[in-house]
Amino acid sequence: MVKFMKSRKAELKQEGWEKRTTIGEPKLSEIVAEYRSLGFEVWLEPLNLDELDQKCQKCYRLNPDKFRTVYIRKKRC
């Protein structure tokens, strides 16, 4: 019997996180600061090339460690 493994993306969604963008510095820090100033929690995930379409993968493959996927959710009380 094969065990069903929930994807990381599905886990984050279940926890209330919403995917916003995948980006690198210097814009990454700017986006994180902006979302935090608007009252959101911010979570950064390493780049997952499997979640990108083929066209985008070509650019990201050159330096995948440079990029992060930004997730946000409203702050919890």
C-alpha atoms as a PDB file:
ATOM      1  CA  MET A   1       0.000   0.000   0.000  1.00  0.00           C
ATOM      2  CA  VAL A   2       1.383   3.413  -0.976  1.00  0.00           C
ATOM      3  CA  LYS A   3       1.091   6.184   1.604  1.00  0.00           C
ATOM      4  CA  PHE A   4      -0.293   9.480   0.342  1.00  0.00           C
ATOM      5  CA  MET A   5       2.171  12.273   1.042  1.00  0.00           C
ATOM      6  CA  LYS A   6       0.706  15.732   1.234  1.00  0.00           C
ATOM      7  CA  SER A   7       2.699  18.267  -0.741  1.00  0.00           C
ATOM      8  CA  ARG A   8       4.381  21.116   1.074  1.00  0.00           C
ATOM      9  CA  LYS A   9       2.231  23.558  -0.892  1.00  0.00           C
ATOM     10  CA  ALA A  10      -0.938  21.786   0.329  1.00  0.00           C
ATOM     11  CA  GLU A  11       0.337  21.828   3.937  1.00  0.00           C
ATOM     12  CA  LEU A  12       0.948  25.568   3.782  1.00  0.00           C
ATOM     13  CA  LYS A  13      -2.467  26.206   2.263  1.00  0.00           C
ATOM     14  CA  GLN A  14      -4.111  24.162   5.018  1.00  0.00           C
ATOM     15  CA  GLU A  15      -2.300  26.327   7.592  1.00  0.00           C
ATOM     16  CA  GLY A  16      -3.749  29.469   5.990  1.00  0.00           C
ATOM     17  CA  TRP A  17      -0.741  30.548   3.923  1.00  0.00           C
ATOM     18  CA  GLU A  18      -1.267  32.090   0.480  1.00  0.00           C
ATOM     19  CA  LYS A  19       1.426  31.949  -2.182  1.00  0.00           C
ATOM     20  CA  ARG A  20       2.318  35.403  -3.514  1.00  0.00           C
ATOM     21  CA  THR A  21       5.477  35.240  -5.632  1.00  0.00           C
ATOM     22  CA  THR A  22       8.851  33.633  -6.235  1.00  0.00           C
ATOM     23  CA  ILE A  23      11.660  36.174  -6.315  1.00  0.00           C
ATOM     24  CA  GLY A  24      15.262  36.897  -5.339  1.00  0.00           C
ATOM     25  CA  GLU A  25      17.128  39.807  -3.795  1.00  0.00           C
ATOM     26  CA  PRO A  26      16.993  42.758  -3.618  1.00  0.00           C
ATOM     27  CA  LYS A  27      13.228  42.719  -4.252  1.00  0.00           C
ATOM     28  CA  LEU A  28      12.701  39.796  -1.859  1.00  0.00           C
ATOM     29  CA  SER A  29      13.592  41.883   1.189  1.00  0.00           C
ATOM     30  CA  GLU A  30      11.434  44.761  -0.037  1.00  0.00           C
ATOM     31  CA  ILE A  31       8.402  42.521  -0.526  1.00  0.00           C
ATOM     32  CA  VAL A  32       8.825  40.882   2.889  1.00  0.00           C
ATOM     33  CA  ALA A  33       9.107  44.266   4.603  1.00  0.00           C
ATOM     34  CA  GLU A  34       6.047  45.594   2.762  1.00  0.00           C
ATOM     35  CA  TYR A  35       3.828  42.636   3.662  1.00  0.00           C
ATOM     36  CA  ARG A  36       4.941  42.826   7.303  1.00  0.00           C
ATOM     37  CA  SER A  37       4.193  46.561   7.394  1.00  0.00           C
ATOM     38  CA  LEU A  38       0.684  45.742   6.155  1.00  0.00           C
ATOM     39  CA  GLY A  39       0.194  43.380   9.098  1.00  0.00           C
ATOM     40  CA  PHE A  40       0.837  40.016   7.452  1.00  0.00           C
ATOM     41  CA  GLU A  41       2.937  37.108   8.627  1.00  0.00           C
ATOM     42  CA  VAL A  42       5.486  36.113   5.990  1.00  0.00           C
ATOM     43  CA  TRP A  43       6.895  32.633   5.327  1.00  0.00           C
ATOM     44  CA  LEU A  44       9.687  31.935   2.841  1.00  0.00           C
ATOM     45  CA  GLU A  45      10.122  28.567   1.172  1.00  0.00           C
ATOM     46  CA  PRO A  46      13.043  27.387  -0.949  1.00  0.00           C
ATOM     47  CA  LEU A  47      12.420  27.393  -4.681  1.00  0.00           C
ATOM     48  CA  ASN A  48      10.588  24.284  -5.918  1.00  0.00           C
ATOM     49  CA  LEU A  49      11.287  23.981  -9.630  1.00  0.00           C
ATOM     50  CA  ASP A  50       8.560  21.352 -10.032  1.00  0.00           C
ATOM     51  CA  GLU A  51       5.911  23.986  -9.258  1.00  0.00           C
ATOM     52  CA  LEU A  52       7.036  26.276 -12.083  1.00  0.00           C
ATOM     53  CA  ASP A  53       6.098  25.976 -15.736  1.00  0.00           C
ATOM     54  CA  GLN A  54       8.818  24.842 -18.130  1.00  0.00           C
ATOM     55  CA  LYS A  55       9.414  28.330 -19.528  1.00  0.00           C
ATOM     56  CA  CYS A  56      10.194  29.764 -16.063  1.00  0.00           C
ATOM     57  CA  GLN A  57      12.342  26.825 -14.977  1.00  0.00           C
ATOM     58  CA  LYS A  58      15.054  27.717 -17.492  1.00  0.00           C
ATOM     59  CA  CYS A  59      15.882  31.012 -15.754  1.00  0.00           C
ATOM     60  CA  TYR A  60      15.525  29.766 -12.186  1.00  0.00           C
ATOM     61  CA  ARG A  61      17.723  26.698 -12.805  1.00  0.00           C
ATOM     62  CA  LEU A  62      20.755  28.952 -13.305  1.00  0.00           C
ATOM     63  CA  ASN A  63      20.854  29.845  -9.598  1.00  0.00           C
ATOM     64  CA  PRO A  64      17.957  28.201  -7.665  1.00  0.00           C
ATOM     65  CA  ASP A  65      19.396  28.917  -4.200  1.00  0.00           C
ATOM     66  CA  LYS A  66      19.069  32.644  -4.871  1.00  0.00           C
ATOM     67  CA  PHE A  67      15.239  32.566  -4.964  1.00  0.00           C
ATOM     68  CA  ARG A  68      12.478  32.080  -2.379  1.00  0.00           C
ATOM     69  CA  THR A  69       8.735  31.636  -2.666  1.00  0.00           C
ATOM     70  CA  VAL A  70       6.841  34.143  -0.542  1.00  0.00           C
ATOM     71  CA  TYR A  71       3.733  33.042   1.375  1.00  0.00           C
ATOM     72  CA  ILE A  72       1.605  35.351   3.520  1.00  0.00           C
ATOM     73  CA  ARG A  73      -1.287  35.098   5.939  1.00  0.00           C
ATOM     74  CA  LYS A  74      -3.101  37.464   8.268  1.00  0.00           C
ATOM     75  CA  LYS A  75      -1.536  37.645  11.725  1.00  0.00           C
ATOM     76  CA  ARG A  76      -3.142  35.355  14.220  1.00  0.00           C
ATOM     77  CA  CYS A  77      -4.155  36.725  17.605  1.00  0.00           C
END
